[in-house]
Amino acid sequence: MSAVYYTATTLDGFIADPSDSLDWLLRQPQDEGGAQNYEEFIERIGALVMGSTTYEWVLAHLERTGEAWYYSQPSWVLSSRDLPALDGADLRFASGSIREVYDDAAAAAGERDVWVVGGGDLAGQFADAGLLDEVIVSIAPVVLGAGRPLLPRRLDLQLEETARNGAFVTARYTVAGPLTEDRTG
């Protein structure tokens, strides 16, 4: 079982624009069966953890498109605010310790992985606690100049795999730990 941050980013490292829009992402062509594709990824997921901004974006997207909740897995939403629940969705609202949320999500996931859906700060909190194992990122040929950062932490990552999927360059990394630098030389 691993905690995995699976996401997309712009070339300059943003997961959403300053208005939390993902329009830049949704217009990118990709091969549904290609490298690091969503369908293969989601089959290995037993539980999800997302922040309130991601959850609210999903709710707005579902309302706009008329689609149903995407996930059959139990999903934790971290927020200190009261947020609306969706009928038929296995949602668990939580605040407080990342460790407690991780423990609950990992128990629910069993042998499968926990997907840290977003955003970047939530993935950073998992990394700070030593709980983030893997980062899988699809890099789009877009530059925003500002927005929500991919992962606002200093981390050492080990590159495991790269490929192309449609317009994206995909990369899979294991998390080695906090970035440490020798500043004596």
N, C-alpha and C. Protein backbone atom coordinates (compact mmCIF):
# COMPACT_ATOMS: atom_id res chain seq x y z
N MET A 1 0.84 -1.18 0.00
CA MET A 1 0.00 0.00 0.00
C MET A 1 0.88 1.24 0.00
N SER A 2 0.55 2.18 -0.87
CA SER A 2 1.29 3.44 -0.97
C SER A 2 0.32 4.60 -0.98
N ALA A 3 0.79 5.76 -0.57
CA ALA A 3 0.06 7.00 -0.76
C ALA A 3 0.65 7.66 -1.99
N VAL A 4 -0.20 7.92 -2.98
CA VAL A 4 0.23 8.38 -4.30
C VAL A 4 -0.43 9.71 -4.64
N TYR A 5 0.38 10.67 -5.03
CA TYR A 5 -0.12 11.94 -5.55
C TYR A 5 -0.10 11.83 -7.07
N TYR A 6 -1.28 11.66 -7.66
CA TYR A 6 -1.45 11.50 -9.11
C TYR A 6 -2.14 12.75 -9.60
N THR A 7 -1.48 13.51 -10.47
CA THR A 7 -2.02 14.80 -10.86
C THR A 7 -1.48 15.22 -12.22
N ALA A 8 -1.91 16.37 -12.66
CA ALA A 8 -1.38 16.99 -13.88
C ALA A 8 -0.90 18.39 -13.51
N THR A 9 0.06 18.87 -14.27
CA THR A 9 0.63 20.18 -14.02
C THR A 9 0.96 20.86 -15.34
N THR A 10 1.09 22.16 -15.27
CA THR A 10 1.59 22.91 -16.41
C THR A 10 3.11 22.80 -16.42
N LEU A 11 3.71 23.19 -17.52
CA LEU A 11 5.16 23.16 -17.62
C LEU A 11 5.83 24.00 -16.54
N ASP A 12 5.16 25.08 -16.11
CA ASP A 12 5.75 25.92 -15.06
C ASP A 12 5.27 25.55 -13.66
N GLY A 13 4.67 24.37 -13.51
CA GLY A 13 4.43 23.82 -12.19
C GLY A 13 3.17 24.22 -11.46
N PHE A 14 2.08 24.49 -12.19
CA PHE A 14 0.82 24.83 -11.55
C PHE A 14 -0.24 23.79 -11.87
N ILE A 15 -1.06 23.46 -10.85
CA ILE A 15 -2.13 22.47 -11.05
C ILE A 15 -3.47 23.14 -11.34
N ALA A 16 -3.57 24.43 -11.10
CA ALA A 16 -4.77 25.21 -11.42
C ALA A 16 -4.33 26.65 -11.61
N ASP A 17 -5.13 27.41 -12.34
CA ASP A 17 -4.79 28.81 -12.54
C ASP A 17 -5.18 29.61 -11.28
N PRO A 18 -4.92 30.92 -11.23
CA PRO A 18 -5.23 31.70 -10.03
C PRO A 18 -6.72 31.69 -9.65
N SER A 19 -7.60 31.36 -10.59
CA SER A 19 -9.04 31.27 -10.31
C SER A 19 -9.49 29.84 -10.04
N ASP A 20 -8.54 28.93 -9.84
CA ASP A 20 -8.80 27.50 -9.61
C ASP A 20 -9.43 26.83 -10.82
N SER A 21 -9.22 27.38 -12.00
CA SER A 21 -9.74 26.77 -13.22
C SER A 21 -8.78 25.70 -13.73
N LEU A 22 -9.38 24.64 -14.29
CA LEU A 22 -8.61 23.58 -14.94
C LEU A 22 -8.88 23.55 -16.44
N ASP A 23 -9.39 24.63 -16.98
CA ASP A 23 -9.69 24.67 -18.42
C ASP A 23 -8.46 24.33 -19.25
N TRP A 24 -7.29 24.77 -18.80
CA TRP A 24 -6.04 24.48 -19.51
C TRP A 24 -5.81 22.97 -19.62
N LEU A 25 -6.23 22.23 -18.60
CA LEU A 25 -6.02 20.79 -18.55
C LEU A 25 -7.05 20.05 -19.40
N LEU A 26 -8.29 20.44 -19.28
CA LEU A 26 -9.39 19.69 -19.90
C LEU A 26 -9.37 19.76 -21.43
N ARG A 27 -8.61 20.68 -21.99
CA ARG A 27 -8.54 20.78 -23.46
C ARG A 27 -7.36 20.02 -24.06
N GLN A 28 -6.55 19.36 -23.24
CA GLN A 28 -5.36 18.66 -23.72
C GLN A 28 -5.70 17.26 -24.24
N PRO A 29 -5.23 16.92 -25.43
CA PRO A 29 -5.47 15.56 -25.94
C PRO A 29 -4.61 14.53 -25.21
N GLN A 30 -5.22 13.38 -24.96
CA GLN A 30 -4.46 12.28 -24.36
C GLN A 30 -5.01 10.96 -24.86
N ASP A 31 -4.18 9.94 -24.76
CA ASP A 31 -4.54 8.59 -25.18
C ASP A 31 -5.10 7.87 -23.95
N GLU A 32 -6.39 7.54 -23.98
CA GLU A 32 -7.04 6.91 -22.82
C GLU A 32 -6.32 5.64 -22.36
N GLY A 33 -5.68 4.92 -23.27
CA GLY A 33 -4.97 3.70 -22.91
C GLY A 33 -3.47 3.89 -22.84
N GLY A 34 -3.01 5.15 -22.90
CA GLY A 34 -1.58 5.43 -22.95
C GLY A 34 -0.90 5.39 -21.60
N ALA A 35 0.33 5.83 -21.59
CA ALA A 35 1.18 5.80 -20.39
C ALA A 35 0.53 6.55 -19.24
N GLN A 36 0.65 5.98 -18.05
CA GLN A 36 0.14 6.57 -16.80
C GLN A 36 -1.34 6.94 -16.91
N ASN A 37 -2.11 6.16 -17.66
CA ASN A 37 -3.51 6.52 -17.88
C ASN A 37 -4.35 6.33 -16.63
N TYR A 38 -5.41 7.10 -16.57
CA TYR A 38 -6.29 7.14 -15.40
C TYR A 38 -6.96 5.80 -15.13
N GLU A 39 -7.45 5.12 -16.15
CA GLU A 39 -8.18 3.87 -15.95
C GLU A 39 -7.33 2.81 -15.25
N GLU A 40 -6.09 2.66 -15.66
CA GLU A 40 -5.21 1.70 -14.98
C GLU A 40 -4.87 2.18 -13.57
N PHE A 41 -4.66 3.48 -13.43
CA PHE A 41 -4.32 4.02 -12.12
C PHE A 41 -5.45 3.80 -11.12
N ILE A 42 -6.68 4.15 -11.48
CA ILE A 42 -7.79 4.12 -10.52
C ILE A 42 -8.09 2.69 -10.06
N GLU A 43 -7.75 1.69 -10.86
CA GLU A 43 -7.98 0.31 -10.46
C GLU A 43 -7.12 -0.11 -9.28
N ARG A 44 -6.01 0.57 -9.07
CA ARG A 44 -5.14 0.22 -7.94
C ARG A 44 -5.44 1.03 -6.68
N ILE A 45 -6.48 1.87 -6.74
CA ILE A 45 -6.81 2.77 -5.63
C ILE A 45 -7.92 2.19 -4.77
N GLY A 46 -7.68 2.20 -3.45
CA GLY A 46 -8.66 1.70 -2.50
C GLY A 46 -9.34 2.80 -1.70
N ALA A 47 -8.75 3.99 -1.66
CA ALA A 47 -9.33 5.13 -0.93
C ALA A 47 -8.73 6.41 -1.47
N LEU A 48 -9.45 7.51 -1.30
CA LEU A 48 -9.01 8.82 -1.77
C LEU A 48 -8.99 9.80 -0.62
N VAL A 49 -8.08 10.78 -0.71
CA VAL A 49 -8.04 11.90 0.22
C VAL A 49 -7.90 13.16 -0.63
N MET A 50 -8.77 14.13 -0.35
CA MET A 50 -8.71 15.40 -1.10
C MET A 50 -8.94 16.56 -0.15
N GLY A 51 -8.48 17.72 -0.57
CA GLY A 51 -8.72 18.94 0.18
C GLY A 51 -10.06 19.54 -0.19
N SER A 52 -10.47 20.54 0.56
CA SER A 52 -11.79 21.15 0.34
C SER A 52 -11.87 21.89 -0.99
N THR A 53 -10.78 22.52 -1.43
CA THR A 53 -10.82 23.23 -2.72
C THR A 53 -11.03 22.25 -3.86
N THR A 54 -10.35 21.10 -3.82
CA THR A 54 -10.53 20.08 -4.84
C THR A 54 -11.96 19.55 -4.81
N TYR A 55 -12.46 19.26 -3.62
CA TYR A 55 -13.83 18.75 -3.48
C TYR A 55 -14.84 19.75 -4.04
N GLU A 56 -14.67 21.03 -3.70
CA GLU A 56 -15.60 22.04 -4.20
C GLU A 56 -15.51 22.18 -5.71
N TRP A 57 -14.31 22.03 -6.29
CA TRP A 57 -14.17 22.07 -7.74
C TRP A 57 -14.92 20.90 -8.36
N VAL A 58 -14.77 19.71 -7.78
CA VAL A 58 -15.47 18.53 -8.30
C VAL A 58 -16.98 18.74 -8.22
N LEU A 59 -17.47 19.24 -7.09
CA LEU A 59 -18.92 19.49 -6.95
C LEU A 59 -19.42 20.45 -8.03
N ALA A 60 -18.69 21.54 -8.25
CA ALA A 60 -19.09 22.52 -9.27
C ALA A 60 -19.06 21.89 -10.66
N HIS A 61 -18.04 21.09 -10.92
CA HIS A 61 -17.92 20.41 -12.22
C HIS A 61 -19.09 19.44 -12.42
N LEU A 62 -19.44 18.69 -11.41
CA LEU A 62 -20.55 17.74 -11.52
C LEU A 62 -21.86 18.48 -11.75
N GLU A 63 -22.05 19.58 -11.05
CA GLU A 63 -23.26 20.37 -11.22
C GLU A 63 -23.35 20.94 -12.64
N ARG A 64 -22.21 21.42 -13.14
CA ARG A 64 -22.16 22.02 -14.48
C ARG A 64 -22.40 20.99 -15.58
N THR A 65 -21.86 19.78 -15.39
CA THR A 65 -21.93 18.76 -16.45
C THR A 65 -23.08 17.78 -16.28
N GLY A 66 -23.67 17.72 -15.08
CA GLY A 66 -24.74 16.76 -14.82
C GLY A 66 -24.23 15.35 -14.58
N GLU A 67 -22.92 15.20 -14.42
CA GLU A 67 -22.33 13.89 -14.18
C GLU A 67 -22.55 13.47 -12.73
N ALA A 68 -22.36 12.19 -12.45
CA ALA A 68 -22.46 11.66 -11.10
C ALA A 68 -21.07 11.61 -10.47
N TRP A 69 -21.03 11.42 -9.14
CA TRP A 69 -19.77 11.26 -8.42
C TRP A 69 -18.95 10.17 -9.09
N TYR A 70 -17.68 10.41 -9.30
CA TYR A 70 -16.82 9.54 -10.09
C TYR A 70 -16.36 8.28 -9.36
N TYR A 71 -16.28 8.31 -8.05
CA TYR A 71 -15.51 7.32 -7.32
C TYR A 71 -16.39 6.34 -6.54
N SER A 72 -16.04 5.08 -6.59
CA SER A 72 -16.71 4.08 -5.77
C SER A 72 -15.97 3.88 -4.45
N GLN A 73 -14.72 4.31 -4.38
CA GLN A 73 -13.90 4.15 -3.20
C GLN A 73 -14.32 5.15 -2.11
N PRO A 74 -14.09 4.80 -0.84
CA PRO A 74 -14.32 5.79 0.21
C PRO A 74 -13.39 6.98 0.01
N SER A 75 -13.93 8.18 0.24
CA SER A 75 -13.19 9.41 -0.04
C SER A 75 -13.23 10.33 1.17
N TRP A 76 -12.05 10.70 1.63
CA TRP A 76 -11.92 11.64 2.74
C TRP A 76 -11.76 13.04 2.17
N VAL A 77 -12.49 14.00 2.75
CA VAL A 77 -12.38 15.41 2.38
C VAL A 77 -11.90 16.15 3.62
N LEU A 78 -10.72 16.76 3.50
CA LEU A 78 -10.18 17.51 4.63
C LEU A 78 -10.64 18.96 4.56
N SER A 79 -11.33 19.38 5.62
CA SER A 79 -11.82 20.75 5.67
C SER A 79 -12.17 21.11 7.11
N SER A 80 -11.99 22.36 7.44
CA SER A 80 -12.43 22.85 8.74
C SER A 80 -13.82 23.49 8.61
N ARG A 81 -14.37 23.48 7.41
CA ARG A 81 -15.69 24.06 7.15
C ARG A 81 -16.71 22.95 6.94
N ASP A 82 -17.99 23.30 7.10
CA ASP A 82 -19.06 22.36 6.76
C ASP A 82 -19.27 22.42 5.26
N LEU A 83 -19.18 21.26 4.61
CA LEU A 83 -19.36 21.16 3.17
C LEU A 83 -20.51 20.23 2.87
N PRO A 84 -21.19 20.45 1.74
CA PRO A 84 -22.32 19.58 1.41
C PRO A 84 -21.85 18.18 1.01
N ALA A 85 -22.62 17.19 1.42
CA ALA A 85 -22.35 15.81 1.01
C ALA A 85 -23.15 15.50 -0.24
N LEU A 86 -22.73 14.49 -0.95
CA LEU A 86 -23.43 14.05 -2.16
C LEU A 86 -24.12 12.72 -1.88
N ASP A 87 -25.37 12.62 -2.29
CA ASP A 87 -26.08 11.34 -2.15
C ASP A 87 -25.36 10.27 -2.95
N GLY A 88 -25.19 9.11 -2.35
CA GLY A 88 -24.59 7.98 -3.04
C GLY A 88 -23.08 7.95 -3.03
N ALA A 89 -22.43 9.00 -2.51
CA ALA A 89 -20.97 9.04 -2.45
C ALA A 89 -20.53 8.63 -1.04
N ASP A 90 -19.50 7.81 -0.97
CA ASP A 90 -18.94 7.39 0.31
C ASP A 90 -17.93 8.43 0.76
N LEU A 91 -18.45 9.51 1.37
CA LEU A 91 -17.63 10.65 1.77
C LEU A 91 -17.45 10.68 3.28
N ARG A 92 -16.25 11.03 3.69
CA ARG A 92 -15.93 11.16 5.11
C ARG A 92 -15.20 12.49 5.29
N PHE A 93 -15.84 13.41 5.96
CA PHE A 93 -15.26 14.73 6.18
C PHE A 93 -14.40 14.70 7.43
N ALA A 94 -13.23 15.29 7.36
CA ALA A 94 -12.29 15.24 8.47
C ALA A 94 -11.50 16.53 8.56
N SER A 95 -11.01 16.80 9.75
CA SER A 95 -10.07 17.90 9.96
C SER A 95 -9.07 17.41 11.00
N GLY A 96 -7.97 18.11 11.09
CA GLY A 96 -6.98 17.72 12.08
C GLY A 96 -5.81 16.98 11.48
N SER A 97 -5.34 15.97 12.18
CA SER A 97 -4.11 15.28 11.88
C SER A 97 -4.13 14.51 10.55
N ILE A 98 -3.14 14.79 9.71
CA ILE A 98 -2.96 14.04 8.47
C ILE A 98 -2.72 12.56 8.79
N ARG A 99 -1.99 12.29 9.85
CA ARG A 99 -1.69 10.91 10.24
C ARG A 99 -2.98 10.12 10.51
N GLU A 100 -3.93 10.71 11.22
CA GLU A 100 -5.19 10.01 11.52
C GLU A 100 -5.97 9.75 10.24
N VAL A 101 -6.04 10.75 9.37
CA VAL A 101 -6.75 10.58 8.10
C VAL A 101 -6.06 9.50 7.26
N TYR A 102 -4.75 9.54 7.21
CA TYR A 102 -3.99 8.53 6.48
C TYR A 102 -4.27 7.14 7.04
N ASP A 103 -4.21 7.00 8.37
CA ASP A 103 -4.45 5.69 8.98
C ASP A 103 -5.84 5.16 8.62
N ASP A 104 -6.85 6.02 8.69
CA ASP A 104 -8.21 5.60 8.34
C ASP A 104 -8.32 5.23 6.87
N ALA A 105 -7.74 6.07 6.00
CA ALA A 105 -7.81 5.80 4.55
C ALA A 105 -7.03 4.54 4.20
N ALA A 106 -5.87 4.35 4.79
CA ALA A 106 -5.06 3.16 4.53
C ALA A 106 -5.79 1.90 4.98
N ALA A 107 -6.46 1.96 6.13
CA ALA A 107 -7.23 0.81 6.61
C ALA A 107 -8.36 0.48 5.63
N ALA A 108 -9.03 1.51 5.13
CA ALA A 108 -10.12 1.29 4.17
C ALA A 108 -9.58 0.78 2.84
N ALA A 109 -8.39 1.21 2.45
CA ALA A 109 -7.80 0.81 1.16
C ALA A 109 -7.34 -0.63 1.16
N GLY A 110 -7.01 -1.16 2.33
CA GLY A 110 -6.52 -2.54 2.41
C GLY A 110 -5.19 -2.67 1.69
N GLU A 111 -5.12 -3.58 0.73
CA GLU A 111 -3.89 -3.81 -0.03
C GLU A 111 -3.70 -2.80 -1.17
N ARG A 112 -4.71 -2.00 -1.42
CA ARG A 112 -4.65 -1.05 -2.51
C ARG A 112 -4.06 0.28 -2.04
N ASP A 113 -3.83 1.19 -2.96
CA ASP A 113 -3.18 2.46 -2.66
C ASP A 113 -4.19 3.53 -2.24
N VAL A 114 -3.67 4.56 -1.59
CA VAL A 114 -4.43 5.76 -1.24
C VAL A 114 -4.03 6.85 -2.23
N TRP A 115 -5.02 7.44 -2.88
CA TRP A 115 -4.77 8.52 -3.83
C TRP A 115 -4.93 9.85 -3.12
N VAL A 116 -3.85 10.60 -3.05
CA VAL A 116 -3.89 11.98 -2.57
C VAL A 116 -4.29 12.80 -3.80
N VAL A 117 -5.58 13.10 -3.90
CA VAL A 117 -6.14 13.69 -5.12
C VAL A 117 -5.67 15.12 -5.30
N GLY A 118 -5.63 15.87 -4.28
CA GLY A 118 -5.19 17.25 -4.44
C GLY A 118 -5.68 18.08 -3.28
N GLY A 119 -5.12 19.18 -3.24
CA GLY A 119 -4.15 19.81 -4.10
C GLY A 119 -2.73 19.62 -3.63
N GLY A 120 -1.90 20.52 -4.16
CA GLY A 120 -0.48 20.43 -3.89
C GLY A 120 -0.12 20.60 -2.41
N ASP A 121 -0.84 21.47 -1.71
CA ASP A 121 -0.53 21.65 -0.30
C ASP A 121 -0.89 20.41 0.50
N LEU A 122 -1.99 19.75 0.15
CA LEU A 122 -2.36 18.50 0.82
C LEU A 122 -1.29 17.43 0.59
N ALA A 123 -0.83 17.30 -0.64
CA ALA A 123 0.25 16.35 -0.93
C ALA A 123 1.49 16.73 -0.13
N GLY A 124 1.74 18.03 0.02
CA GLY A 124 2.86 18.49 0.83
C GLY A 124 2.70 18.12 2.29
N GLN A 125 1.50 18.19 2.81
CA GLN A 125 1.26 17.78 4.20
C GLN A 125 1.54 16.29 4.38
N PHE A 126 1.14 15.48 3.41
CA PHE A 126 1.46 14.05 3.45
C PHE A 126 2.98 13.86 3.43
N ALA A 127 3.67 14.61 2.58
CA ALA A 127 5.13 14.51 2.50
C ALA A 127 5.78 14.95 3.81
N ASP A 128 5.29 16.04 4.40
CA ASP A 128 5.83 16.53 5.66
C ASP A 128 5.76 15.47 6.75
N ALA A 129 4.68 14.67 6.72
CA ALA A 129 4.47 13.63 7.72
C ALA A 129 5.19 12.32 7.35
N GLY A 130 5.90 12.32 6.21
CA GLY A 130 6.60 11.11 5.77
C GLY A 130 5.66 10.05 5.22
N LEU A 131 4.49 10.47 4.75
CA LEU A 131 3.46 9.52 4.31
C LEU A 131 3.27 9.47 2.80
N LEU A 132 3.93 10.33 2.05
CA LEU A 132 3.79 10.34 0.59
C LEU A 132 4.86 9.46 -0.02
N ASP A 133 4.44 8.44 -0.76
CA ASP A 133 5.36 7.46 -1.32
C ASP A 133 5.71 7.70 -2.78
N GLU A 134 4.75 8.21 -3.54
CA GLU A 134 4.92 8.27 -4.99
C GLU A 134 4.23 9.52 -5.54
N VAL A 135 4.84 10.10 -6.57
CA VAL A 135 4.25 11.22 -7.31
C VAL A 135 4.19 10.80 -8.76
N ILE A 136 2.98 10.83 -9.32
CA ILE A 136 2.79 10.55 -10.75
C ILE A 136 2.21 11.82 -11.35
N VAL A 137 2.91 12.39 -12.31
CA VAL A 137 2.50 13.68 -12.84
C VAL A 137 2.51 13.66 -14.36
N SER A 138 1.48 14.27 -14.93
CA SER A 138 1.40 14.48 -16.37
C SER A 138 1.62 15.97 -16.61
N ILE A 139 2.62 16.28 -17.41
CA ILE A 139 3.02 17.67 -17.63
C ILE A 139 2.47 18.14 -18.98
N ALA A 140 1.62 19.16 -18.92
CA ALA A 140 0.96 19.69 -20.11
C ALA A 140 1.80 20.79 -20.76
N PRO A 141 1.69 20.93 -22.08
CA PRO A 141 2.42 21.97 -22.79
C PRO A 141 1.74 23.33 -22.67
N VAL A 142 1.62 23.79 -21.42
CA VAL A 142 0.95 25.04 -21.10
C VAL A 142 1.79 25.76 -20.05
N VAL A 143 1.86 27.09 -20.13
CA VAL A 143 2.52 27.90 -19.12
C VAL A 143 1.49 28.91 -18.63
N LEU A 144 1.22 28.92 -17.32
CA LEU A 144 0.23 29.83 -16.75
C LEU A 144 0.85 31.08 -16.12
N GLY A 145 2.06 30.98 -15.62
CA GLY A 145 2.70 32.11 -14.98
C GLY A 145 2.32 32.32 -13.52
N ALA A 146 1.20 31.76 -13.10
CA ALA A 146 0.75 31.87 -11.71
C ALA A 146 -0.37 30.86 -11.49
N GLY A 147 -0.63 30.57 -10.24
CA GLY A 147 -1.71 29.65 -9.91
C GLY A 147 -1.39 28.84 -8.68
N ARG A 148 -2.04 27.68 -8.57
CA ARG A 148 -1.83 26.75 -7.45
C ARG A 148 -0.62 25.87 -7.76
N PRO A 149 0.41 25.90 -6.91
CA PRO A 149 1.62 25.13 -7.21
C PRO A 149 1.41 23.62 -7.12
N LEU A 150 2.18 22.90 -7.92
CA LEU A 150 2.14 21.44 -7.97
C LEU A 150 2.37 20.82 -6.61
N LEU A 151 3.44 21.20 -5.94
CA LEU A 151 3.78 20.61 -4.65
C LEU A 151 4.70 21.60 -3.92
N PRO A 152 4.13 22.47 -3.10
CA PRO A 152 4.92 23.55 -2.50
C PRO A 152 5.78 23.07 -1.32
N ARG A 153 6.68 22.14 -1.60
CA ARG A 153 7.61 21.62 -0.60
C ARG A 153 8.95 21.38 -1.27
N ARG A 154 9.97 21.26 -0.46
CA ARG A 154 11.32 20.93 -0.94
C ARG A 154 11.50 19.43 -0.71
N LEU A 155 11.44 18.65 -1.79
CA LEU A 155 11.52 17.20 -1.70
C LEU A 155 12.55 16.66 -2.68
N ASP A 156 13.20 15.59 -2.29
CA ASP A 156 14.01 14.80 -3.21
C ASP A 156 13.13 13.70 -3.77
N LEU A 157 13.13 13.57 -5.08
CA LEU A 157 12.35 12.53 -5.75
C LEU A 157 13.29 11.67 -6.57
N GLN A 158 12.93 10.41 -6.72
CA GLN A 158 13.71 9.47 -7.54
C GLN A 158 12.87 9.16 -8.78
N LEU A 159 13.37 9.52 -9.96
CA LEU A 159 12.66 9.25 -11.20
C LEU A 159 12.63 7.75 -11.46
N GLU A 160 11.42 7.21 -11.69
CA GLU A 160 11.24 5.79 -11.94
C GLU A 160 10.85 5.49 -13.39
N GLU A 161 10.11 6.43 -14.01
CA GLU A 161 9.58 6.15 -15.34
C GLU A 161 9.15 7.46 -16.01
N THR A 162 9.36 7.54 -17.33
CA THR A 162 8.84 8.65 -18.13
C THR A 162 8.22 8.09 -19.39
N ALA A 163 7.29 8.83 -19.95
CA ALA A 163 6.64 8.42 -21.20
C ALA A 163 5.88 9.62 -21.76
N ARG A 164 5.27 9.39 -22.90
CA ARG A 164 4.41 10.40 -23.52
C ARG A 164 3.00 9.84 -23.58
N ASN A 165 2.03 10.70 -23.29
CA ASN A 165 0.62 10.36 -23.45
C ASN A 165 -0.07 11.56 -24.09
N GLY A 166 -0.36 11.46 -25.38
CA GLY A 166 -0.97 12.57 -26.09
C GLY A 166 -0.08 13.79 -26.01
N ALA A 167 -0.65 14.89 -25.52
CA ALA A 167 0.11 16.14 -25.39
C ALA A 167 0.99 16.17 -24.15
N PHE A 168 0.86 15.18 -23.28
CA PHE A 168 1.54 15.19 -21.99
C PHE A 168 2.85 14.41 -22.00
N VAL A 169 3.79 14.88 -21.20
CA VAL A 169 4.95 14.09 -20.78
C VAL A 169 4.57 13.57 -19.41
N THR A 170 4.65 12.26 -19.20
CA THR A 170 4.31 11.70 -17.90
C THR A 170 5.57 11.26 -17.18
N ALA A 171 5.53 11.36 -15.87
CA ALA A 171 6.67 10.94 -15.06
C ALA A 171 6.15 10.32 -13.76
N ARG A 172 6.83 9.27 -13.34
CA ARG A 172 6.52 8.61 -12.07
C ARG A 172 7.76 8.67 -11.20
N TYR A 173 7.59 9.15 -9.97
CA TYR A 173 8.69 9.31 -9.03
C TYR A 173 8.36 8.62 -7.71
N THR A 174 9.37 8.11 -7.02
CA THR A 174 9.22 7.75 -5.63
C THR A 174 9.77 8.92 -4.81
N VAL A 175 9.19 9.09 -3.64
CA VAL A 175 9.61 10.18 -2.76
C VAL A 175 10.78 9.69 -1.91
N ALA A 176 11.94 10.34 -2.07
CA ALA A 176 13.13 9.98 -1.31
C ALA A 176 13.12 10.63 0.07
N GLY A 177 12.48 11.79 0.19
CA GLY A 177 12.40 12.50 1.48
C GLY A 177 12.59 13.98 1.29
N PRO A 178 12.69 14.70 2.40
CA PRO A 178 12.90 16.15 2.30
C PRO A 178 14.22 16.45 1.58
N LEU A 179 14.20 17.54 0.84
CA LEU A 179 15.41 17.99 0.14
C LEU A 179 16.40 18.52 1.17
N THR A 180 17.58 17.94 1.16
CA THR A 180 18.64 18.43 2.03
C THR A 180 19.81 18.80 1.15
N GLU A 181 20.42 19.92 1.47
CA GLU A 181 21.52 20.42 0.67
C GLU A 181 22.71 20.70 1.57
N ASP A 182 23.86 20.42 1.07
CA ASP A 182 25.09 20.76 1.77
C ASP A 182 25.46 22.18 1.38
N ARG A 183 25.26 23.11 2.28
CA ARG A 183 25.53 24.52 1.99
C ARG A 183 26.90 24.96 2.53
N THR A 184 27.74 23.99 2.87
CA THR A 184 29.06 24.33 3.41
C THR A 184 30.08 24.58 2.31
N GLY A 185 29.85 24.06 1.11
CA GLY A 185 30.84 24.15 0.06
C GLY A 185 30.49 25.13 -0.94
